[in-house]
Protein backbone atom coordinates (compact mmCIF):
# COMPACT_ATOMS: atom_id res chain seq x y z
CA UNK A 1 7.03 -4.95 -23.48
CA UNK A 2 9.11 -6.21 -20.62
CA UNK A 3 11.83 -3.39 -21.32
CA UNK A 4 9.28 -0.71 -19.57
CA UNK A 5 8.98 -2.55 -16.36
CA UNK A 6 12.59 -3.53 -16.27
CA UNK A 7 13.42 0.23 -16.74
CA UNK A 8 11.06 1.44 -14.09
CA UNK A 9 12.39 -1.40 -11.30
CA UNK A 10 15.91 -0.13 -12.44
CA UNK A 11 15.10 3.37 -11.64
CA UNK A 12 13.05 2.72 -8.63
CA UNK A 13 16.16 0.68 -7.05
CA UNK A 14 18.80 3.46 -8.14
CA UNK A 15 16.44 6.53 -6.57
CA UNK A 16 15.70 4.31 -3.33
CA UNK A 17 19.29 2.71 -2.87
CA UNK A 18 20.33 2.67 0.47
CA UNK A 19 23.91 3.81 0.54
CA UNK A 20 26.60 1.79 2.75
CA UNK A 21 26.82 4.88 5.13
CA UNK A 22 23.12 4.37 6.07
CA UNK A 23 23.21 0.71 6.88
CA UNK A 24 24.60 0.55 10.09
CA UNK A 25 22.26 2.84 11.90
CA UNK A 26 19.59 1.67 14.46
CA UNK A 27 16.70 4.28 14.09
CA UNK A 28 17.11 5.44 10.13
CA UNK A 29 14.72 2.79 8.72
CA UNK A 30 11.89 3.18 11.51
CA UNK A 31 12.26 6.94 10.93
CA UNK A 32 11.59 6.48 7.26
CA UNK A 33 8.68 4.09 7.67
CA UNK A 34 6.99 6.55 10.35
CA UNK A 35 7.81 9.76 7.46
CA UNK A 36 6.10 7.76 4.87
CA UNK A 37 3.05 6.88 7.24
CA UNK A 38 2.56 10.44 8.31
CA UNK A 39 2.88 11.39 4.63
CA UNK A 40 0.26 9.09 3.59
CA UNK A 41 -2.21 9.72 6.21
CA UNK A 42 -1.88 13.56 5.47
CA UNK A 43 -3.12 12.91 1.96
CA UNK A 44 -6.02 11.07 2.92
CA UNK A 45 -7.09 13.36 5.98
CA UNK A 46 -6.70 16.43 3.53
CA UNK A 47 -9.97 16.76 2.26
CA UNK A 48 -11.61 17.68 5.54
CA UNK A 49 -11.55 21.48 6.19
CA UNK A 50 -11.21 21.83 10.18
CA UNK A 51 -12.57 24.73 12.26
CA UNK A 52 -10.23 26.11 14.96
CA UNK A 53 -11.56 28.86 16.51
CA UNK A 54 -11.79 31.59 13.59
CA UNK A 55 -9.27 29.80 11.66
CA UNK A 56 -10.25 27.07 8.75
CA UNK A 57 -7.50 24.70 7.82
CA UNK A 58 -7.29 21.25 5.82
CA UNK A 59 -6.47 17.99 7.68
CA UNK A 60 -3.39 17.90 5.66
CA UNK A 61 -2.23 21.08 7.49
CA UNK A 62 -2.25 19.30 10.90
CA UNK A 63 0.24 16.37 9.65
CA UNK A 64 2.01 17.70 6.60
CA UNK A 65 4.38 19.89 8.41
CA UNK A 66 5.91 17.02 10.38
CA UNK A 67 7.24 15.67 7.26
CA UNK A 68 9.29 18.69 6.77
CA UNK A 69 10.53 18.13 10.39
CA UNK A 70 11.26 14.53 9.64
CA UNK A 71 13.32 16.36 6.43
CA UNK A 72 15.19 18.41 8.72
CA UNK A 73 16.13 15.51 11.07
CA UNK A 74 17.35 13.14 8.10
CA UNK A 75 19.54 15.69 6.68
CA UNK A 76 20.90 16.91 10.14
CA UNK A 77 21.69 13.56 11.53
CA UNK A 78 21.95 11.46 8.37
CA UNK A 79 23.02 13.67 5.86
CA UNK A 80 21.75 14.64 2.49
CA UNK A 81 21.94 11.10 0.93
CA UNK A 82 19.62 9.54 4.03
CA UNK A 83 17.12 12.62 3.22
CA UNK A 84 17.23 12.07 -0.47
CA UNK A 85 16.14 8.27 -0.11
CA UNK A 86 13.29 9.02 2.31
CA UNK A 87 12.15 11.57 0.06
CA UNK A 88 11.90 9.43 -2.94
CA UNK A 89 10.22 6.63 -1.02
CA UNK A 90 7.42 9.03 0.15
CA UNK A 91 6.98 10.32 -3.36
CA UNK A 92 6.45 6.79 -4.88
CA UNK A 93 4.34 5.77 -1.85
CA UNK A 94 2.21 9.02 -2.32
CA UNK A 95 1.87 8.16 -6.05
CA UNK A 96 0.89 4.63 -5.58
CA UNK A 97 -1.90 5.62 -3.06
CA UNK A 98 -3.26 7.87 -5.41
CA UNK A 99 -3.13 5.56 -8.05
CA UNK A 100 -4.71 2.79 -6.25
CA UNK A 101 -7.36 5.13 -5.07
CA UNK A 102 -8.46 6.05 -8.50
CA UNK A 103 -8.57 2.62 -9.66
CA UNK A 104 -10.46 1.24 -6.57
CA UNK A 105 -13.01 4.13 -6.79
CA UNK A 106 -13.91 3.14 -10.74
CA UNK A 107 -14.10 -0.61 -10.10
CA UNK A 108 -17.96 -1.37 -9.88
CA UNK A 109 -19.21 -1.51 -6.40
CA UNK A 110 -20.82 -4.53 -5.11
CA UNK A 111 -24.83 -4.23 -5.50
CA UNK A 112 -25.47 -4.66 -1.74
CA UNK A 113 -22.39 -2.33 -0.67
CA UNK A 114 -23.77 1.03 0.08
CA UNK A 115 -20.72 2.94 0.94
CA UNK A 116 -19.68 3.67 -2.40
CA UNK A 117 -20.18 7.50 -2.30
CA UNK A 118 -18.52 8.09 0.83
CA UNK A 119 -15.57 5.96 -0.65
CA UNK A 120 -15.52 8.15 -3.56
CA UNK A 121 -15.37 11.29 -1.40
CA UNK A 122 -12.10 10.03 0.29
CA UNK A 123 -10.36 8.38 -2.33
CA UNK A 124 -11.68 9.69 -5.50
CA UNK A 125 -8.27 12.04 -5.94
CA UNK A 126 -8.64 14.64 -8.58
CA UNK A 127 -5.56 14.07 -10.99
CA UNK A 128 -4.65 17.61 -11.13
CA UNK A 129 -4.84 17.85 -7.28
CA UNK A 130 -2.46 14.62 -7.11
CA UNK A 131 0.17 15.91 -9.81
CA UNK A 132 0.21 19.30 -8.11
CA UNK A 133 0.66 17.70 -4.56
CA UNK A 134 3.38 15.30 -5.79
CA UNK A 135 5.33 17.86 -7.71
CA UNK A 136 5.19 20.35 -4.87
CA UNK A 137 6.24 17.80 -2.29
CA UNK A 138 9.23 16.78 -4.43
CA UNK A 139 10.70 20.04 -5.22
CA UNK A 140 9.80 21.60 -1.56
CA UNK A 141 11.54 18.77 0.11
CA UNK A 142 14.50 18.77 -1.77
CA UNK A 143 14.79 22.47 -1.42
CA UNK A 144 14.44 22.02 2.26
CA UNK A 145 17.05 19.37 2.62
CA UNK A 146 19.54 21.13 0.18
CA UNK A 147 19.24 24.26 2.31
CA UNK A 148 19.81 22.76 5.52
CA UNK A 149 22.89 20.70 4.28
CA UNK A 150 24.33 23.99 2.81
CA UNK A 151 23.40 26.11 6.29
CA UNK A 152 25.22 23.21 8.33
CA UNK A 153 28.35 23.61 6.50
CA UNK A 154 28.07 27.73 6.74
CA UNK A 155 27.54 27.33 10.34
CA UNK A 156 30.16 24.94 11.12
CA UNK A 157 27.17 22.52 12.75
CA UNK A 158 26.10 25.34 15.16
CA UNK A 159 22.88 27.14 15.82
CA UNK A 160 20.53 24.13 14.65
CA UNK A 161 17.51 26.40 15.17
CA UNK A 162 18.66 28.78 12.24
CA UNK A 163 18.91 25.50 10.02
CA UNK A 164 15.66 24.12 10.75
CA UNK A 165 13.67 27.17 10.37
CA UNK A 166 15.70 28.46 7.37
CA UNK A 167 15.29 25.41 5.53
CA UNK A 168 11.66 25.47 6.37
CA UNK A 169 11.04 28.94 5.03
CA UNK A 170 12.82 28.01 1.88
CA UNK A 171 11.18 24.45 1.45
CA UNK A 172 7.58 25.57 2.24
CA UNK A 173 7.91 28.61 0.26
CA UNK A 174 8.54 26.24 -3.07
CA UNK A 175 6.13 23.68 -1.87
CA UNK A 176 3.15 26.06 -1.16
CA UNK A 177 3.82 28.20 -4.12
CA UNK A 178 3.91 25.41 -6.65
CA UNK A 179 0.84 23.44 -5.07
CA UNK A 180 -1.44 26.72 -5.10
CA UNK A 181 -0.46 27.64 -8.77
CA UNK A 182 -0.55 24.22 -10.33
CA UNK A 183 -3.83 23.18 -8.51
CA UNK A 184 -6.00 26.32 -8.88
CA UNK A 185 -4.26 28.32 -11.68
CA UNK A 186 -6.81 29.32 -14.15
CA UNK A 187 -9.65 28.65 -11.83
CA UNK A 188 -8.78 31.19 -9.18
CA UNK A 189 -7.59 34.86 -9.77
CA UNK A 190 -4.16 35.48 -8.86
CA UNK A 191 -4.85 37.71 -5.88
CA UNK A 192 -6.80 34.69 -4.34
CA UNK A 193 -4.02 32.00 -5.21
CA UNK A 194 -1.71 34.50 -3.38
CA UNK A 195 -3.73 34.87 -0.30
CA UNK A 196 -3.97 30.98 -0.23
CA UNK A 197 -0.10 30.77 -0.30
CA UNK A 198 0.57 33.41 2.27
CA UNK A 199 -1.85 32.22 5.14
CA UNK A 200 -0.88 28.72 4.24
CA UNK A 201 2.82 29.39 4.13
CA UNK A 202 2.93 31.47 7.30
CA UNK A 203 1.13 28.64 9.26
CA UNK A 204 3.47 25.89 8.35
CA UNK A 205 6.37 27.98 9.09
CA UNK A 206 4.87 28.97 12.39
CA UNK A 207 4.50 25.19 12.96
CA UNK A 208 8.28 24.45 12.28
CA UNK A 209 9.16 27.19 14.87
CA UNK A 210 7.01 26.05 17.70
CA UNK A 211 8.35 22.49 17.06
CA UNK A 212 11.90 23.69 17.31
CA UNK A 213 12.32 22.25 20.98
CA UNK A 214 11.17 18.73 19.78
CA UNK A 215 13.60 18.89 16.93
CA UNK A 216 16.29 19.53 19.11
CA UNK A 217 15.39 16.75 21.55
CA UNK A 218 15.35 14.21 18.61
CA UNK A 219 18.32 15.37 16.74
CA UNK A 220 20.40 15.15 19.79
CA UNK A 221 19.05 12.09 20.97
CA UNK A 222 19.77 10.39 17.46
CA UNK A 223 23.23 12.08 17.27
CA UNK A 224 24.29 10.45 20.59
CA UNK A 225 22.36 7.16 20.08
CA UNK A 226 23.79 6.58 16.28
CA UNK A 227 27.19 8.06 17.01
CA UNK A 228 27.09 10.14 14.05
CA UNK A 229 26.96 13.57 12.43
CA UNK A 230 27.14 14.10 9.17
CA UNK A 231 28.60 17.25 6.96
CA UNK A 232 27.90 17.05 3.18
CA UNK A 233 31.13 18.55 2.42
CA UNK A 234 31.62 16.82 -0.92
CA UNK A 235 27.79 15.65 -1.59
CA UNK A 236 26.42 15.65 -5.30
CA UNK A 237 23.27 17.03 -4.48
CA UNK A 238 21.57 16.08 -8.02
CA UNK A 239 18.21 14.58 -6.35
CA UNK A 240 18.70 11.65 -9.35
CA UNK A 241 22.18 10.98 -8.18
CA UNK A 242 23.30 7.27 -6.72
CA UNK A 243 25.74 8.44 -3.87
CA UNK A 244 29.30 7.12 -4.50
CA UNK A 245 31.43 5.58 -1.82
CA UNK A 246 33.20 8.55 -0.09
CA UNK A 247 30.82 11.07 -1.53
CA UNK A 248 29.85 12.40 1.93
CA UNK A 249 32.04 13.55 4.74
CA UNK A 250 30.94 11.66 8.26
CA UNK A 251 32.05 12.66 11.39
CA UNK A 252 31.64 9.78 13.71
CA UNK A 253 31.18 10.93 17.41
CA UNK A 254 31.34 9.01 20.90
CA UNK A 255 31.13 10.33 24.32
CA UNK A 256 32.19 13.85 25.18
CA UNK A 257 32.36 14.56 21.57
CA UNK A 258 28.88 13.72 20.85
CA UNK A 259 27.90 15.96 23.44
CA UNK A 260 29.81 18.95 22.14
CA UNK A 261 28.36 18.33 18.90
CA UNK A 262 24.61 18.35 19.96
CA UNK A 263 25.01 21.14 22.55
CA UNK A 264 24.08 24.04 20.14
């Protein structure tokens, strides 16, 4: 019986292993922490429907697109390996949140505690929605990271906006389509699901476009501060791969070279 926990622990260590190339950066770990916190908060606030003028959006739509901006930053500055590790940590953290929410909801409340119903509304995650959101997040984030890494090679590191917007166009299409069909397939008609996909997708892409100036500021600051700009020339893009030494081409920048690399 102890074999399964050992296998699970080995898999977790493999997928969240920090490659040697990530260990000397000042900001990478704190960015991963912020990324995971934003992801978990978006899961918690997602059940509320907000009214903004004539529009109706879920609470998650206010925060979740930020995770794709983080994905762009990780891939652009630290390379696919940096993004891969962050995505896996976020995936496992979201799964743990959902599991603990279900377990805690079903533990009998104290007789004098009056908030069980409110607690259930927030934390009683529907298993189908959990599975749909986790699968969609995993597929969408990896599609986003892969697209940006490839486009960076094609553009020779120029025109950052084409990569941030282009990767979001691909990643959010994958994410939104998967989550809507898995969550509502069989309960809503295809036309209704396509409307949900279209409205959610357009909103998320617009979010990314509007955030482009901020993305530029963050990416340029990190490249100068960390003194690095990663090009995934020899990267194994398998999401389950443990990166090998020398797999990623890394250009270390300093001084005027750093300024030149970030002036796109």
